[in-house]
Amino acid sequence: GFGVEKKITVWCSNDYLGMGQNKVVIESIKNTLDTTGG
C-alpha cells in the first residue's frame, strides 16, 4: 500500500491443490469464455 511490492509464499490458501491454476482447468475456462462470453 506504500509502493513496495515483493514476492511471498502463500501458506493459507484454500486452493488446496492449486487447481485454480491447473492447465486443464484454465484451458476450459478460456475456451468457454471465448465461446459464451463473460
PDB file of all heavy atoms in Angstrom:
ATOM      1  N   GLY A   1       0.794  -1.221   0.000  1.00  0.00           N
ATOM      2  CA  GLY A   1       0.000   0.000   0.000  1.00  0.00           C
ATOM      3  C   GLY A   1       0.825   1.269   0.000  1.00  0.00           C
ATOM      4  O   GLY A   1       0.286   2.371  -0.083  1.00  0.00           O
ATOM      5  N   PHE A   2       2.147   1.130   0.110  1.00  0.00           N
ATOM      6  CA  PHE A   2       3.041   2.292   0.132  1.00  0.00           C
ATOM      7  C   PHE A   2       4.052   2.233  -1.024  1.00  0.00           C
ATOM      8  O   PHE A   2       5.141   2.809  -0.937  1.00  0.00           O
ATOM      9  CB  PHE A   2       3.775   2.376   1.468  1.00  0.00           C
ATOM     10  CG  PHE A   2       2.857   2.505   2.653  1.00  0.00           C
ATOM     11  CD1 PHE A   2       2.532   1.392   3.409  1.00  0.00           C
ATOM     12  CD2 PHE A   2       2.287   3.731   2.985  1.00  0.00           C
ATOM     13  CE1 PHE A   2       1.672   1.497   4.496  1.00  0.00           C
ATOM     14  CE2 PHE A   2       1.430   3.845   4.070  1.00  0.00           C
ATOM     15  CZ  PHE A   2       1.119   2.725   4.825  1.00  0.00           C
ATOM     16  N   GLY A   3       3.700   1.508  -2.042  1.00  0.00           N
ATOM     17  CA  GLY A   3       4.552   1.432  -3.218  1.00  0.00           C
ATOM     18  C   GLY A   3       5.557   0.311  -3.212  1.00  0.00           C
ATOM     19  O   GLY A   3       6.337   0.168  -4.155  1.00  0.00           O
ATOM     20  N   VAL A   4       5.557  -0.486  -2.152  1.00  0.00           N
ATOM     21  CA  VAL A   4       6.503  -1.603  -2.059  1.00  0.00           C
ATOM     22  C   VAL A   4       5.791  -2.890  -2.453  1.00  0.00           C
ATOM     23  O   VAL A   4       4.675  -3.170  -2.013  1.00  0.00           O
ATOM     24  CB  VAL A   4       7.066  -1.741  -0.633  1.00  0.00           C
ATOM     25  CG1 VAL A   4       7.959  -2.975  -0.531  1.00  0.00           C
ATOM     26  CG2 VAL A   4       7.848  -0.486  -0.245  1.00  0.00           C
ATOM     27  N   GLU A   5       6.430  -3.674  -3.307  1.00  0.00           N
ATOM     28  CA  GLU A   5       5.913  -4.989  -3.647  1.00  0.00           C
ATOM     29  C   GLU A   5       7.038  -6.005  -3.565  1.00  0.00           C
ATOM     30  O   GLU A   5       8.208  -5.691  -3.823  1.00  0.00           O
ATOM     31  CB  GLU A   5       5.288  -4.991  -5.037  1.00  0.00           C
ATOM     32  CG  GLU A   5       6.203  -4.568  -6.166  1.00  0.00           C
ATOM     33  CD  GLU A   5       5.467  -4.519  -7.490  1.00  0.00           C
ATOM     34  OE1 GLU A   5       4.747  -3.537  -7.714  1.00  0.00           O
ATOM     35  OE2 GLU A   5       5.631  -5.483  -8.284  1.00  0.00           O
ATOM     36  N   LYS A   6       6.683  -7.227  -3.179  1.00  0.00           N
ATOM     37  CA  LYS A   6       7.699  -8.269  -3.041  1.00  0.00           C
ATOM     38  C   LYS A   6       7.066  -9.637  -3.236  1.00  0.00           C
ATOM     39  O   LYS A   6       5.859  -9.834  -3.063  1.00  0.00           O
ATOM     40  CB  LYS A   6       8.363  -8.191  -1.665  1.00  0.00           C
ATOM     41  CG  LYS A   6       7.418  -8.431  -0.487  1.00  0.00           C
ATOM     42  CD  LYS A   6       8.184  -8.356   0.827  1.00  0.00           C
ATOM     43  CE  LYS A   6       7.272  -8.632   2.023  1.00  0.00           C
ATOM     44  NZ  LYS A   6       8.030  -8.629   3.297  1.00  0.00           N
ATOM     45  N   LYS A   7       7.894 -10.607  -3.563  1.00  0.00           N
ATOM     46  CA  LYS A   7       7.437 -11.967  -3.766  1.00  0.00           C
ATOM     47  C   LYS A   7       7.284 -12.663  -2.414  1.00  0.00           C
ATOM     48  O   LYS A   7       8.165 -12.552  -1.551  1.00  0.00           O
ATOM     49  CB  LYS A   7       8.407 -12.751  -4.649  1.00  0.00           C
ATOM     50  CG  LYS A   7       7.902 -14.131  -5.050  1.00  0.00           C
ATOM     51  CD  LYS A   7       8.824 -14.787  -6.069  1.00  0.00           C
ATOM     52  CE  LYS A   7       8.291 -16.156  -6.490  1.00  0.00           C
ATOM     53  NZ  LYS A   7       9.156 -16.799  -7.503  1.00  0.00           N
ATOM     54  N   ILE A   8       6.184 -13.356  -2.249  1.00  0.00           N
ATOM     55  CA  ILE A   8       5.919 -14.053  -0.991  1.00  0.00           C
ATOM     56  C   ILE A   8       5.490 -15.490  -1.285  1.00  0.00           C
ATOM     57  O   ILE A   8       5.131 -15.833  -2.416  1.00  0.00           O
ATOM     58  CB  ILE A   8       4.809 -13.358  -0.171  1.00  0.00           C
ATOM     59  CG1 ILE A   8       3.493 -13.325  -0.974  1.00  0.00           C
ATOM     60  CG2 ILE A   8       5.239 -11.966   0.251  1.00  0.00           C
ATOM     61  CD1 ILE A   8       2.288 -12.916  -0.168  1.00  0.00           C
ATOM     62  N   THR A   9       5.517 -16.313  -0.249  1.00  0.00           N
ATOM     63  CA  THR A   9       4.989 -17.671  -0.327  1.00  0.00           C
ATOM     64  C   THR A   9       3.694 -17.723   0.478  1.00  0.00           C
ATOM     65  O   THR A   9       3.671 -17.353   1.656  1.00  0.00           O
ATOM     66  CB  THR A   9       5.984 -18.693   0.241  1.00  0.00           C
ATOM     67  OG1 THR A   9       7.240 -18.544  -0.433  1.00  0.00           O
ATOM     68  CG2 THR A   9       5.470 -20.116   0.045  1.00  0.00           C
ATOM     69  N   VAL A  10       2.633 -18.169  -0.160  1.00  0.00           N
ATOM     70  CA  VAL A  10       1.317 -18.238   0.484  1.00  0.00           C
ATOM     71  C   VAL A  10       1.174 -19.580   1.196  1.00  0.00           C
ATOM     72  O   VAL A  10       1.312 -20.635   0.574  1.00  0.00           O
ATOM     73  CB  VAL A  10       0.186 -18.066  -0.552  1.00  0.00           C
ATOM     74  CG1 VAL A  10      -1.184 -18.168   0.124  1.00  0.00           C
ATOM     75  CG2 VAL A  10       0.331 -16.730  -1.278  1.00  0.00           C
ATOM     76  N   TRP A  11       0.872 -19.511   2.499  1.00  0.00           N
ATOM     77  CA  TRP A  11       0.704 -20.707   3.316  1.00  0.00           C
ATOM     78  C   TRP A  11      -0.684 -20.760   3.965  1.00  0.00           C
ATOM     79  O   TRP A  11      -0.862 -21.403   5.006  1.00  0.00           O
ATOM     80  CB  TRP A  11       1.766 -20.775   4.416  1.00  0.00           C
ATOM     81  CG  TRP A  11       3.091 -21.305   3.964  1.00  0.00           C
ATOM     82  CD1 TRP A  11       4.215 -20.586   3.677  1.00  0.00           C
ATOM     83  CD2 TRP A  11       3.452 -22.680   3.771  1.00  0.00           C
ATOM     84  NE1 TRP A  11       5.251 -21.418   3.315  1.00  0.00           N
ATOM     85  CE2 TRP A  11       4.804 -22.716   3.369  1.00  0.00           C
ATOM     86  CE3 TRP A  11       2.761 -23.886   3.900  1.00  0.00           C
ATOM     87  CZ2 TRP A  11       5.484 -23.907   3.103  1.00  0.00           C
ATOM     88  CZ3 TRP A  11       3.425 -25.074   3.624  1.00  0.00           C
ATOM     89  CH2 TRP A  11       4.772 -25.068   3.233  1.00  0.00           C
ATOM     90  N   CYS A  12      -1.667 -20.105   3.371  1.00  0.00           N
ATOM     91  CA  CYS A  12      -3.003 -20.114   3.979  1.00  0.00           C
ATOM     92  C   CYS A  12      -4.120 -20.200   2.950  1.00  0.00           C
ATOM     93  O   CYS A  12      -5.278 -19.937   3.260  1.00  0.00           O
ATOM     94  CB  CYS A  12      -3.196 -18.890   4.870  1.00  0.00           C
ATOM     95  SG  CYS A  12      -2.950 -17.298   4.036  1.00  0.00           S
ATOM     96  N   SER A  13      -3.795 -20.576   1.723  1.00  0.00           N
ATOM     97  CA  SER A  13      -4.814 -20.632   0.674  1.00  0.00           C
ATOM     98  C   SER A  13      -5.704 -21.859   0.834  1.00  0.00           C
ATOM     99  O   SER A  13      -5.243 -22.947   1.199  1.00  0.00           O
ATOM    100  CB  SER A  13      -4.147 -20.672  -0.703  1.00  0.00           C
ATOM    101  OG  SER A  13      -5.113 -20.839  -1.718  1.00  0.00           O
ATOM    102  N   ASN A  14      -6.994 -21.668   0.533  1.00  0.00           N
ATOM    103  CA  ASN A  14      -7.924 -22.794   0.473  1.00  0.00           C
ATOM    104  C   ASN A  14      -7.938 -23.445  -0.905  1.00  0.00           C
ATOM    105  O   ASN A  14      -8.674 -24.420  -1.121  1.00  0.00           O
ATOM    106  CB  ASN A  14      -9.334 -22.353   0.855  1.00  0.00           C
ATOM    107  CG  ASN A  14      -9.497 -22.205   2.354  1.00  0.00           C
ATOM    108  OD1 ASN A  14      -8.764 -22.794   3.131  1.00  0.00           O
ATOM    109  ND2 ASN A  14     -10.467 -21.410   2.766  1.00  0.00           N
ATOM    110  N   ASP A  15      -7.167 -22.923  -1.824  1.00  0.00           N
ATOM    111  CA  ASP A  15      -6.972 -23.591  -3.119  1.00  0.00           C
ATOM    112  C   ASP A  15      -5.969 -24.714  -2.868  1.00  0.00           C
ATOM    113  O   ASP A  15      -4.819 -24.676  -3.307  1.00  0.00           O
ATOM    114  CB  ASP A  15      -6.451 -22.586  -4.152  1.00  0.00           C
ATOM    115  CG  ASP A  15      -6.353 -23.161  -5.557  1.00  0.00           C
ATOM    116  OD1 ASP A  15      -6.687 -24.347  -5.737  1.00  0.00           O
ATOM    117  OD2 ASP A  15      -5.929 -22.427  -6.471  1.00  0.00           O
ATOM    118  N   TYR A  16      -6.442 -25.720  -2.130  1.00  0.00           N
ATOM    119  CA  TYR A  16      -5.556 -26.700  -1.514  1.00  0.00           C
ATOM    120  C   TYR A  16      -4.635 -27.415  -2.508  1.00  0.00           C
ATOM    121  O   TYR A  16      -3.499 -27.756  -2.182  1.00  0.00           O
ATOM    122  CB  TYR A  16      -6.380 -27.752  -0.772  1.00  0.00           C
ATOM    123  CG  TYR A  16      -7.137 -27.241   0.430  1.00  0.00           C
ATOM    124  CD1 TYR A  16      -8.515 -27.400   0.529  1.00  0.00           C
ATOM    125  CD2 TYR A  16      -6.486 -26.611   1.489  1.00  0.00           C
ATOM    126  CE1 TYR A  16      -9.217 -26.957   1.633  1.00  0.00           C
ATOM    127  CE2 TYR A  16      -7.172 -26.157   2.596  1.00  0.00           C
ATOM    128  CZ  TYR A  16      -8.550 -26.336   2.664  1.00  0.00           C
ATOM    129  OH  TYR A  16      -9.242 -25.890   3.760  1.00  0.00           O
ATOM    130  N   LEU A  17      -5.140 -27.672  -3.713  1.00  0.00           N
ATOM    131  CA  LEU A  17      -4.381 -28.465  -4.678  1.00  0.00           C
ATOM    132  C   LEU A  17      -3.882 -27.630  -5.859  1.00  0.00           C
ATOM    133  O   LEU A  17      -3.367 -28.181  -6.832  1.00  0.00           O
ATOM    134  CB  LEU A  17      -5.244 -29.625  -5.197  1.00  0.00           C
ATOM    135  CG  LEU A  17      -5.761 -30.597  -4.131  1.00  0.00           C
ATOM    136  CD1 LEU A  17      -6.634 -31.669  -4.762  1.00  0.00           C
ATOM    137  CD2 LEU A  17      -4.610 -31.226  -3.351  1.00  0.00           C
ATOM    138  N   GLY A  18      -4.059 -26.313  -5.767  1.00  0.00           N
ATOM    139  CA  GLY A  18      -3.608 -25.447  -6.852  1.00  0.00           C
ATOM    140  C   GLY A  18      -4.412 -25.613  -8.128  1.00  0.00           C
ATOM    141  O   GLY A  18      -3.941 -25.240  -9.213  1.00  0.00           O
ATOM    142  N   MET A  19      -5.645 -26.137  -8.013  1.00  0.00           N
ATOM    143  CA  MET A  19      -6.445 -26.385  -9.213  1.00  0.00           C
ATOM    144  C   MET A  19      -6.916 -25.088  -9.872  1.00  0.00           C
ATOM    145  O   MET A  19      -7.277 -25.091 -11.055  1.00  0.00           O
ATOM    146  CB  MET A  19      -7.649 -27.261  -8.866  1.00  0.00           C
ATOM    147  CG  MET A  19      -7.285 -28.683  -8.479  1.00  0.00           C
ATOM    148  SD  MET A  19      -6.376 -29.581  -9.761  1.00  0.00           S
ATOM    149  CE  MET A  19      -7.643 -29.738 -11.022  1.00  0.00           C
ATOM    150  N   GLY A  20      -6.884 -23.985  -9.138  1.00  0.00           N
ATOM    151  CA  GLY A  20      -7.220 -22.699  -9.734  1.00  0.00           C
ATOM    152  C   GLY A  20      -6.241 -22.288 -10.823  1.00  0.00           C
ATOM    153  O   GLY A  20      -6.527 -21.378 -11.611  1.00  0.00           O
ATOM    154  N   GLN A  21      -5.076 -22.971 -10.873  1.00  0.00           N
ATOM    155  CA  GLN A  21      -4.069 -22.675 -11.892  1.00  0.00           C
ATOM    156  C   GLN A  21      -3.723 -23.915 -12.725  1.00  0.00           C
ATOM    157  O   GLN A  21      -2.753 -23.911 -13.483  1.00  0.00           O
ATOM    158  CB  GLN A  21      -2.820 -22.104 -11.227  1.00  0.00           C
ATOM    159  CG  GLN A  21      -3.120 -20.834 -10.446  1.00  0.00           C
ATOM    160  CD  GLN A  21      -1.887 -20.186  -9.837  1.00  0.00           C
ATOM    161  OE1 GLN A  21      -0.769 -20.455 -10.256  1.00  0.00           O
ATOM    162  NE2 GLN A  21      -2.091 -19.324  -8.866  1.00  0.00           N
ATOM    163  N   ASN A  22      -4.529 -24.962 -12.582  1.00  0.00           N
ATOM    164  CA  ASN A  22      -4.312 -26.177 -13.358  1.00  0.00           C
ATOM    165  C   ASN A  22      -4.532 -25.899 -14.844  1.00  0.00           C
ATOM    166  O   ASN A  22      -5.509 -25.258 -15.237  1.00  0.00           O
ATOM    167  CB  ASN A  22      -5.283 -27.256 -12.859  1.00  0.00           C
ATOM    168  CG  ASN A  22      -5.167 -28.547 -13.629  1.00  0.00           C
ATOM    169  OD1 ASN A  22      -5.730 -28.683 -14.703  1.00  0.00           O
ATOM    170  ND2 ASN A  22      -4.447 -29.507 -13.063  1.00  0.00           N
ATOM    171  N   LYS A  23      -3.638 -26.384 -15.682  1.00  0.00           N
ATOM    172  CA  LYS A  23      -3.684 -26.058 -17.112  1.00  0.00           C
ATOM    173  C   LYS A  23      -4.962 -26.544 -17.782  1.00  0.00           C
ATOM    174  O   LYS A  23      -5.525 -25.855 -18.643  1.00  0.00           O
ATOM    175  CB  LYS A  23      -2.461 -26.650 -17.814  1.00  0.00           C
ATOM    176  CG  LYS A  23      -1.153 -25.968 -17.447  1.00  0.00           C
ATOM    177  CD  LYS A  23       0.024 -26.589 -18.198  1.00  0.00           C
ATOM    178  CE  LYS A  23       1.327 -25.884 -17.829  1.00  0.00           C
ATOM    179  NZ  LYS A  23       2.491 -26.489 -18.535  1.00  0.00           N
ATOM    180  N   VAL A  24      -5.434 -27.726 -17.400  1.00  0.00           N
ATOM    181  CA  VAL A  24      -6.668 -28.264 -17.987  1.00  0.00           C
ATOM    182  C   VAL A  24      -7.859 -27.386 -17.628  1.00  0.00           C
ATOM    183  O   VAL A  24      -8.720 -27.091 -18.478  1.00  0.00           O
ATOM    184  CB  VAL A  24      -6.902 -29.714 -17.518  1.00  0.00           C
ATOM    185  CG1 VAL A  24      -8.253 -30.234 -17.991  1.00  0.00           C
ATOM    186  CG2 VAL A  24      -5.777 -30.624 -18.003  1.00  0.00           C
ATOM    187  N   VAL A  25      -7.902 -26.945 -16.374  1.00  0.00           N
ATOM    188  CA  VAL A  25      -8.996 -26.095 -15.899  1.00  0.00           C
ATOM    189  C   VAL A  25      -8.956 -24.731 -16.583  1.00  0.00           C
ATOM    190  O   VAL A  25      -9.980 -24.229 -17.072  1.00  0.00           O
ATOM    191  CB  VAL A  25      -8.920 -25.952 -14.362  1.00  0.00           C
ATOM    192  CG1 VAL A  25      -9.962 -24.945 -13.863  1.00  0.00           C
ATOM    193  CG2 VAL A  25      -9.120 -27.308 -13.694  1.00  0.00           C
ATOM    194  N   ILE A  26      -7.787 -24.133 -16.625  1.00  0.00           N
ATOM    195  CA  ILE A  26      -7.634 -22.813 -17.246  1.00  0.00           C
ATOM    196  C   ILE A  26      -8.003 -22.858 -18.726  1.00  0.00           C
ATOM    197  O   ILE A  26      -8.690 -21.962 -19.246  1.00  0.00           O
ATOM    198  CB  ILE A  26      -6.190 -22.293 -17.071  1.00  0.00           C
ATOM    199  CG1 ILE A  26      -5.878 -22.050 -15.592  1.00  0.00           C
ATOM    200  CG2 ILE A  26      -5.975 -21.018 -17.877  1.00  0.00           C
ATOM    201  CD1 ILE A  26      -6.725 -20.993 -14.938  1.00  0.00           C
ATOM    202  N   GLU A  27      -7.587 -23.896 -19.410  1.00  0.00           N
ATOM    203  CA  GLU A  27      -7.895 -24.032 -20.836  1.00  0.00           C
ATOM    204  C   GLU A  27      -9.403 -24.118 -21.060  1.00  0.00           C
ATOM    205  O   GLU A  27      -9.947 -23.495 -21.985  1.00  0.00           O
ATOM    206  CB  GLU A  27      -7.209 -25.274 -21.404  1.00  0.00           C
ATOM    207  CG  GLU A  27      -7.327 -25.444 -22.909  1.00  0.00           C
ATOM    208  CD  GLU A  27      -6.544 -24.408 -23.689  1.00  0.00           C
ATOM    209  OE1 GLU A  27      -5.628 -23.780 -23.110  1.00  0.00           O
ATOM    210  OE2 GLU A  27      -6.848 -24.219 -24.889  1.00  0.00           O
ATOM    211  N   SER A  28     -10.079 -24.858 -20.205  1.00  0.00           N
ATOM    212  CA  SER A  28     -11.534 -24.977 -20.317  1.00  0.00           C
ATOM    213  C   SER A  28     -12.219 -23.638 -20.083  1.00  0.00           C
ATOM    214  O   SER A  28     -13.152 -23.262 -20.812  1.00  0.00           O
ATOM    215  CB  SER A  28     -12.046 -26.014 -19.313  1.00  0.00           C
ATOM    216  OG  SER A  28     -13.447 -26.093 -19.354  1.00  0.00           O
ATOM    217  N   ILE A  29     -11.745 -22.898 -19.078  1.00  0.00           N
ATOM    218  CA  ILE A  29     -12.318 -21.574 -18.789  1.00  0.00           C
ATOM    219  C   ILE A  29     -12.109 -20.635 -19.973  1.00  0.00           C
ATOM    220  O   ILE A  29     -13.041 -19.935 -20.406  1.00  0.00           O
ATOM    221  CB  ILE A  29     -11.694 -20.992 -17.505  1.00  0.00           C
ATOM    222  CG1 ILE A  29     -12.126 -21.811 -16.279  1.00  0.00           C
ATOM    223  CG2 ILE A  29     -12.086 -19.526 -17.321  1.00  0.00           C
ATOM    224  CD1 ILE A  29     -11.409 -21.435 -15.005  1.00  0.00           C
ATOM    225  N   LYS A  30     -10.907 -20.615 -20.511  1.00  0.00           N
ATOM    226  CA  LYS A  30     -10.603 -19.721 -21.640  1.00  0.00           C
ATOM    227  C   LYS A  30     -11.464 -20.053 -22.857  1.00  0.00           C
ATOM    228  O   LYS A  30     -12.036 -19.160 -23.496  1.00  0.00           O
ATOM    229  CB  LYS A  30      -9.118 -19.821 -22.007  1.00  0.00           C
ATOM    230  CG  LYS A  30      -8.180 -19.143 -21.038  1.00  0.00           C
ATOM    231  CD  LYS A  30      -6.737 -19.311 -21.507  1.00  0.00           C
ATOM    232  CE  LYS A  30      -5.765 -18.568 -20.607  1.00  0.00           C
ATOM    233  NZ  LYS A  30      -4.354 -18.771 -21.048  1.00  0.00           N
ATOM    234  N   ASN A  31     -11.561 -21.332 -23.183  1.00  0.00           N
ATOM    235  CA  ASN A  31     -12.339 -21.739 -24.354  1.00  0.00           C
ATOM    236  C   ASN A  31     -13.814 -21.373 -24.199  1.00  0.00           C
ATOM    237  O   ASN A  31     -14.451 -20.887 -25.141  1.00  0.00           O
ATOM    238  CB  ASN A  31     -12.198 -23.250 -24.590  1.00  0.00           C
ATOM    239  CG  ASN A  31     -10.826 -23.625 -25.097  1.00  0.00           C
ATOM    240  OD1 ASN A  31     -10.084 -22.794 -25.610  1.00  0.00           O
ATOM    241  ND2 ASN A  31     -10.468 -24.902 -24.949  1.00  0.00           N
ATOM    242  N   THR A  32     -14.345 -21.612 -23.003  1.00  0.00           N
ATOM    243  CA  THR A  32     -15.762 -21.313 -22.767  1.00  0.00           C
ATOM    244  C   THR A  32     -16.003 -19.813 -22.745  1.00  0.00           C
ATOM    245  O   THR A  32     -17.030 -19.328 -23.243  1.00  0.00           O
ATOM    246  CB  THR A  32     -16.229 -21.950 -21.447  1.00  0.00           C
ATOM    247  OG1 THR A  32     -15.852 -23.331 -21.426  1.00  0.00           O
ATOM    248  CG2 THR A  32     -17.734 -21.846 -21.290  1.00  0.00           C
ATOM    249  N   LEU A  33     -15.058 -19.065 -22.193  1.00  0.00           N
ATOM    250  CA  LEU A  33     -15.165 -17.609 -22.191  1.00  0.00           C
ATOM    251  C   LEU A  33     -15.213 -17.075 -23.615  1.00  0.00           C
ATOM    252  O   LEU A  33     -16.003 -16.173 -23.942  1.00  0.00           O
ATOM    253  CB  LEU A  33     -13.987 -17.016 -21.424  1.00  0.00           C
ATOM    254  CG  LEU A  33     -14.042 -15.548 -21.015  1.00  0.00           C
ATOM    255  CD1 LEU A  33     -15.224 -15.288 -20.095  1.00  0.00           C
ATOM    256  CD2 LEU A  33     -12.745 -15.153 -20.326  1.00  0.00           C
ATOM    257  N   ASP A  34     -14.396 -17.646 -24.474  1.00  0.00           N
ATOM    258  CA  ASP A  34     -14.373 -17.209 -25.874  1.00  0.00           C
ATOM    259  C   ASP A  34     -15.665 -17.547 -26.608  1.00  0.00           C
ATOM    260  O   ASP A  34     -16.092 -16.810 -27.507  1.00  0.00           O
ATOM    261  CB  ASP A  34     -13.193 -17.867 -26.606  1.00  0.00           C
ATOM    262  CG  ASP A  34     -11.853 -17.263 -26.212  1.00  0.00           C
ATOM    263  OD1 ASP A  34     -11.844 -16.129 -25.688  1.00  0.00           O
ATOM    264  OD2 ASP A  34     -10.819 -17.933 -26.417  1.00  0.00           O
ATOM    265  N   THR A  35     -16.296 -18.659 -26.233  1.00  0.00           N
ATOM    266  CA  THR A  35     -17.490 -19.094 -26.970  1.00  0.00           C
ATOM    267  C   THR A  35     -18.798 -18.582 -26.380  1.00  0.00           C
ATOM    268  O   THR A  35     -19.766 -18.370 -27.114  1.00  0.00           O
ATOM    269  CB  THR A  35     -17.554 -20.633 -27.034  1.00  0.00           C
ATOM    270  OG1 THR A  35     -17.509 -21.171 -25.711  1.00  0.00           O
ATOM    271  CG2 THR A  35     -16.393 -21.189 -27.838  1.00  0.00           C
ATOM    272  N   THR A  36     -18.838 -18.365 -25.054  1.00  0.00           N
ATOM    273  CA  THR A  36     -20.114 -17.971 -24.427  1.00  0.00           C
ATOM    274  C   THR A  36     -20.114 -16.551 -23.867  1.00  0.00           C
ATOM    275  O   THR A  36     -21.172 -16.021 -23.552  1.00  0.00           O
ATOM    276  CB  THR A  36     -20.487 -18.933 -23.279  1.00  0.00           C
ATOM    277  OG1 THR A  36     -19.560 -18.760 -22.192  1.00  0.00           O
ATOM    278  CG2 THR A  36     -20.477 -20.378 -23.735  1.00  0.00           C
ATOM    279  N   GLY A  37     -18.939 -15.951 -23.701  1.00  0.00           N
ATOM    280  CA  GLY A  37     -18.866 -14.624 -23.099  1.00  0.00           C
ATOM    281  C   GLY A  37     -18.696 -14.682 -21.599  1.00  0.00           C
ATOM    282  O   GLY A  37     -18.503 -15.755 -21.013  1.00  0.00           O
ATOM    283  N   GLY A  38     -18.785 -13.504 -20.954  1.00  0.00           N
ATOM    284  CA  GLY A  38     -18.431 -13.393 -19.545  1.00  0.00           C
ATOM    285  C   GLY A  38     -19.443 -13.948 -18.569  1.00  0.00           C
ATOM    286  O   GLY A  38     -19.114 -14.772 -17.721  1.00  0.00           O
TER     287      GLY A  38
END
